[in-house]
Protein backbone atom coordinates (compact mmCIF):
# COMPACT_ATOMS: atom_id res chain seq x y z
CA MET A 1 13.32 -23.95 -33.83
CA PHE A 2 13.71 -26.78 -31.35
CA GLN A 3 12.26 -30.25 -31.21
CA SER A 4 12.20 -30.85 -27.51
CA THR A 5 12.02 -28.83 -24.33
CA ARG A 6 13.61 -29.06 -20.92
CA ARG A 7 11.78 -28.01 -17.79
CA ALA A 8 13.61 -26.78 -14.72
CA GLN A 9 11.78 -27.26 -11.41
CA GLY A 10 12.32 -28.33 -7.82
CA SER A 11 15.74 -27.49 -6.44
CA ASP A 12 17.06 -25.88 -9.64
CA PRO A 13 19.09 -22.87 -8.38
CA VAL A 14 17.69 -20.48 -10.98
CA LEU A 15 14.20 -20.91 -9.55
CA ASP A 16 14.51 -19.02 -6.29
CA GLY A 17 11.70 -17.98 -3.97
CA GLY A 18 13.77 -14.94 -2.94
CA TYR A 19 14.44 -13.41 0.44
CA THR A 20 12.96 -10.70 2.61
CA PRO A 21 15.94 -8.39 3.28
CA PRO A 22 16.60 -6.87 6.71
CA PHE A 23 15.24 -3.37 7.22
CA ASP A 24 16.22 -0.62 9.70
CA SER A 25 17.19 -2.61 12.77
CA LYS A 26 17.46 0.32 15.17
CA TRP A 27 14.87 3.00 15.81
CA GLU A 28 12.18 1.69 13.44
CA LEU A 29 12.53 -1.81 14.83
CA TYR A 30 12.42 -0.50 18.41
CA LYS A 31 9.20 1.41 17.71
CA GLY A 32 7.60 -1.56 16.03
CA VAL A 33 8.47 -4.00 18.80
CA ALA A 34 7.49 -1.57 21.56
CA LEU A 35 4.10 -0.76 20.05
CA THR A 36 3.37 -4.37 19.18
CA SER A 37 4.25 -5.54 22.69
CA LEU A 38 1.52 -3.30 24.09
CA VAL A 39 -1.27 -4.79 22.01
CA THR A 40 -0.18 -8.25 20.90
CA ILE A 41 -1.87 -11.41 22.09
CA ASP A 42 1.29 -13.41 21.40
CA PRO A 43 4.34 -12.65 23.58
CA THR A 44 6.66 -14.38 21.06
CA VAL A 45 5.92 -11.99 18.21
CA ALA A 46 8.53 -9.42 19.35
CA GLY A 47 11.30 -12.00 18.90
CA LYS A 48 9.94 -12.95 15.48
CA MET A 49 9.93 -9.29 14.44
CA HIS A 50 13.55 -8.88 15.54
CA SER A 51 14.61 -11.95 13.53
CA GLU A 52 12.71 -10.75 10.45
CA ALA A 53 14.19 -7.26 10.69
CA THR A 54 17.84 -8.12 11.22
CA ALA A 55 18.46 -11.03 8.84
CA TYR A 56 17.63 -12.28 5.34
CA ASN A 57 14.57 -14.49 5.57
CA GLU A 58 13.90 -17.05 2.86
CA GLY A 59 10.68 -16.76 0.89
CA GLU A 60 8.42 -19.57 -0.29
CA LYS A 61 8.21 -20.79 -3.88
CA SER A 62 5.07 -22.24 -5.45
CA SER A 63 5.28 -25.63 -7.14
CA LEU A 64 3.98 -23.94 -10.30
CA SER A 65 7.29 -22.09 -10.71
CA GLU A 66 8.95 -23.40 -13.83
CA ILE A 67 11.35 -22.65 -16.67
CA VAL A 68 10.78 -24.04 -20.16
CA LEU A 69 14.02 -24.19 -22.14
CA PRO A 70 14.88 -25.33 -25.68
CA GLY A 71 16.05 -28.83 -26.32
CA THR A 72 18.90 -29.74 -28.64
CA ALA A 73 17.32 -30.81 -31.95
CA TRP A 74 16.35 -28.16 -34.51
CA GLN A 75 12.91 -27.84 -36.05
CA PRO A 76 10.82 -24.99 -37.57
CA ARG A 77 8.74 -24.34 -34.46
CA GLY A 78 9.54 -22.96 -31.02
CA ILE A 79 8.45 -24.09 -27.58
CA THR A 80 4.98 -23.98 -26.08
CA PRO A 81 4.78 -21.52 -23.18
CA LEU A 82 3.24 -22.36 -19.83
CA ALA A 83 -0.55 -22.50 -20.01
CA TYR A 84 -1.09 -19.85 -17.33
CA SER A 85 1.13 -17.21 -18.96
CA SER A 86 -0.14 -13.62 -18.97
CA ILE A 87 2.09 -12.53 -21.89
CA PRO A 88 0.45 -12.21 -25.34
CA VAL A 89 2.89 -13.02 -28.15
CA PRO A 90 2.24 -12.31 -31.85
CA ARG A 91 1.80 -15.42 -33.98
CA HIS A 92 4.81 -14.70 -36.17
CA GLU A 93 7.26 -14.70 -33.23
CA ILE A 94 8.96 -17.98 -32.28
CA ILE A 95 9.12 -18.57 -28.51
CA LEU A 96 12.59 -19.67 -27.44
CA GLY A 97 12.21 -19.77 -23.66
CA HIS A 98 9.75 -19.02 -20.87
CA SER A 99 10.36 -18.58 -17.15
CA PHE A 100 7.80 -18.17 -14.40
CA ILE A 101 8.30 -17.71 -10.66
CA LYS A 102 5.44 -17.52 -8.16
CA PHE A 103 6.50 -16.73 -4.61
CA ARG A 104 5.59 -15.07 -1.31
CA ALA A 105 7.12 -14.05 2.01
CA GLY A 106 8.03 -16.88 4.36
CA THR A 107 5.96 -18.17 7.26
CA ARG A 108 7.54 -15.81 9.82
CA GLY A 109 6.85 -12.70 7.75
CA ASP A 110 3.31 -13.90 7.14
CA TYR A 111 2.80 -14.53 10.86
CA ILE A 112 3.98 -11.01 11.73
CA GLY A 113 1.68 -9.52 9.11
CA VAL A 114 -1.36 -11.28 10.55
CA VAL A 115 -0.66 -11.20 14.29
CA ALA A 116 1.40 -8.04 14.75
CA MET A 117 0.18 -5.85 11.89
CA GLY A 118 -3.43 -7.03 11.86
CA ALA A 119 -3.56 -7.98 8.19
CA PRO A 120 -6.97 -9.45 7.26
CA ALA A 121 -5.40 -12.04 4.95
CA HIS A 122 -2.22 -14.07 4.70
CA VAL A 123 0.47 -12.71 2.38
CA PRO A 124 -0.64 -13.25 -1.23
CA TRP A 125 1.26 -15.02 -3.95
CA VAL A 126 3.17 -12.59 -6.18
CA TRP A 127 4.78 -13.54 -9.48
CA CYS A 128 7.08 -12.63 -12.33
CA GLU A 129 7.51 -14.12 -15.78
CA ALA A 130 9.81 -13.53 -18.73
CA MET A 131 9.73 -14.82 -22.29
CA LEU A 132 12.30 -14.70 -25.08
CA THR A 133 11.14 -14.85 -28.70
CA TYR A 134 12.68 -14.59 -32.15
CA ALA A 135 11.20 -11.99 -34.50
CA ALA A 136 13.52 -11.83 -37.51
CA PRO A 137 16.07 -10.37 -37.44
CA ASN A 138 16.01 -9.76 -33.66
CA LEU A 139 15.31 -11.37 -30.33
CA VAL A 140 12.51 -9.92 -28.23
CA LEU A 141 12.33 -10.01 -24.44
CA TYR A 142 8.93 -9.89 -22.75
CA GLY A 143 8.41 -9.32 -19.03
CA ALA A 144 5.29 -9.32 -16.88
CA GLY A 145 4.57 -9.50 -13.18
CA SER A 146 2.24 -8.76 -10.31
CA ALA A 147 1.54 -5.17 -9.28
CA PHE A 148 3.70 -5.76 -6.18
CA PRO A 149 6.67 -5.86 -5.82
CA CYS A 150 8.69 -4.15 -8.59
CA HIS A 151 10.33 -6.25 -11.32
CA ALA A 152 13.39 -5.58 -13.48
CA PHE A 153 14.53 -7.50 -16.58
CA TYR A 154 18.16 -7.76 -17.71
CA VAL A 155 20.18 -9.06 -20.66
CA ASN A 156 23.97 -9.29 -20.29
CA GLY A 157 23.84 -7.12 -17.18
CA LYS A 158 21.88 -4.33 -18.88
CA GLN A 159 18.39 -3.48 -17.67
CA LEU A 160 15.96 -3.56 -20.59
CA GLY A 161 12.76 -2.95 -18.67
CA ARG A 162 11.24 -2.36 -15.27
CA LEU A 163 7.76 -2.73 -13.81
CA ASP A 164 7.33 -0.46 -10.80
CA LEU A 165 5.13 -1.45 -7.90
CA THR A 166 1.82 0.34 -7.69
CA THR A 167 1.41 3.33 -5.39
CA ASP A 168 -2.37 3.42 -5.70
CA LEU A 169 -3.85 2.75 -2.26
CA SER A 170 -6.96 0.99 -3.49
CA THR A 171 -4.85 -1.34 -5.64
CA LEU A 172 -2.53 -2.05 -2.70
CA LYS A 173 -5.53 -2.92 -0.53
CA THR A 174 -6.70 -5.31 -3.23
CA ILE A 175 -3.24 -6.91 -3.40
CA PHE A 176 -2.88 -7.44 0.33
CA GLY A 177 -6.44 -8.63 0.66
CA SER A 178 -6.05 -11.25 -2.07
CA GLY A 179 -4.36 -13.85 0.15
CA LEU A 180 -6.16 -16.55 2.10
CA LYS A 181 -8.39 -14.98 4.76
CA ALA A 182 -6.52 -15.06 8.08
CA THR A 183 -8.25 -16.47 11.14
CA PHE A 184 -6.82 -17.21 14.56
CA THR A 185 -8.01 -18.73 17.79
CA THR A 186 -7.57 -17.36 21.29
CA VAL A 187 -8.13 -18.38 24.88
CA THR A 188 -9.10 -15.90 27.60
CA THR A 189 -7.86 -16.67 31.10
CA SER A 190 -7.88 -14.93 34.48
CA ALA A 191 -5.83 -15.58 37.61
CA GLY A 192 -8.57 -14.30 39.88
CA PRO A 193 -11.38 -11.75 40.35
CA SER A 194 -8.92 -8.89 40.94
CA THR A 195 -6.84 -9.72 37.83
CA PRO A 196 -7.84 -8.45 34.38
CA PRO A 197 -8.57 -11.28 31.93
CA LEU A 198 -5.69 -12.17 29.63
CA THR A 199 -6.25 -13.19 26.01
CA ILE A 200 -3.66 -15.60 24.62
CA LEU A 201 -3.17 -16.59 20.99
CA THR A 202 -3.42 -20.35 20.48
CA GLY A 203 -2.92 -20.55 16.71
CA ILE A 204 -3.65 -19.17 13.25
CA ASN A 205 -4.77 -20.97 10.13
CA THR A 206 -2.06 -21.87 7.62
CA GLN A 207 -1.43 -20.35 4.21
CA ALA A 208 -2.50 -22.05 1.01
CA PRO A 209 -0.17 -24.97 0.22
CA MET A 210 2.87 -24.49 -2.02
CA GLN A 211 1.99 -27.65 -3.95
CA GLU A 212 -0.63 -26.37 -6.36
CA THR A 213 -2.56 -27.36 -9.45
CA ALA A 214 -3.06 -24.70 -12.10
CA PRO A 215 -6.75 -24.27 -13.01
CA PRO A 216 -7.27 -25.49 -16.61
CA GLY A 217 -7.25 -22.65 -19.10
CA LYS A 218 -6.71 -19.94 -16.49
CA SER A 219 -3.93 -17.38 -16.52
CA ILE A 220 -1.87 -16.68 -13.42
CA THR A 221 -4.26 -13.87 -12.44
CA GLY A 222 -7.07 -16.44 -12.22
CA GLN A 223 -5.29 -18.51 -9.58
CA SER A 224 -6.42 -18.39 -5.96
CA TYR A 225 -4.78 -16.03 -3.45
CA THR A 226 -2.65 -14.41 -6.15
CA ALA A 227 -1.89 -10.70 -6.57
CA PRO A 228 -3.25 -8.98 -9.71
CA ALA A 229 -1.05 -8.13 -12.68
CA ASN A 230 0.87 -4.93 -13.23
CA ALA A 231 -0.94 -2.94 -15.91
CA THR A 232 2.18 -2.92 -18.12
CA THR A 233 4.01 -5.65 -20.02
CA ILE A 234 7.64 -5.10 -21.03
CA ARG A 235 8.61 -5.66 -24.68
CA ALA A 236 12.27 -4.98 -25.46
CA VAL A 237 14.09 -5.72 -28.71
CA VAL A 238 17.47 -7.43 -28.31
CA SER A 239 19.59 -6.88 -31.41
CA LEU A 240 21.63 -9.82 -32.69
CA ASP A 241 24.26 -7.51 -34.17
């Protein structure tokens, strides 16, 4: 239906890596900091946990995040979706728009997960995509996403579909083990023969870069360090009446 397409990337405000919201900043935070302080090899992690727990912390957005929008000139065909889409669309439906966001928790949340919580891998990429098509005489909204977190899809303020996060423990282990393997280096020191040796964290390896190249012909689930898909895809009819 449109001749050209527009692609929204970079600093476009509709492409947002999200935020980690603050959680219980009282008793649960106290327990977490107290227990971590007893076993951590990094004395700064308690302060990082407090900052993560009491404020909104910005997430990280992959460079593959993109929105494909219609242009302005009419033609019989719709747009071409992103190559790594996980949404199957029937041939007779005309694709009007496609959005894709791939994101993860920020560096502080990742650091806490590895150093304080003992996660074996860095936080994985998670993702969400939506597609709008025309199937005469209606519009159709498709939604898909990773098995974590949950995803909700709205039109005019009304929720038309929701993908709940998985509660299966084996699937959750797969999700949180799908990030880059976490490794860190330490130094063991001692002030003297009567002093127990002290192990100090000197650094951890960094996450996969945000500037990525999509593997040719591979869907989002084939990309490195990326959480698997939710088993369900949303398909909701949007009446034009």
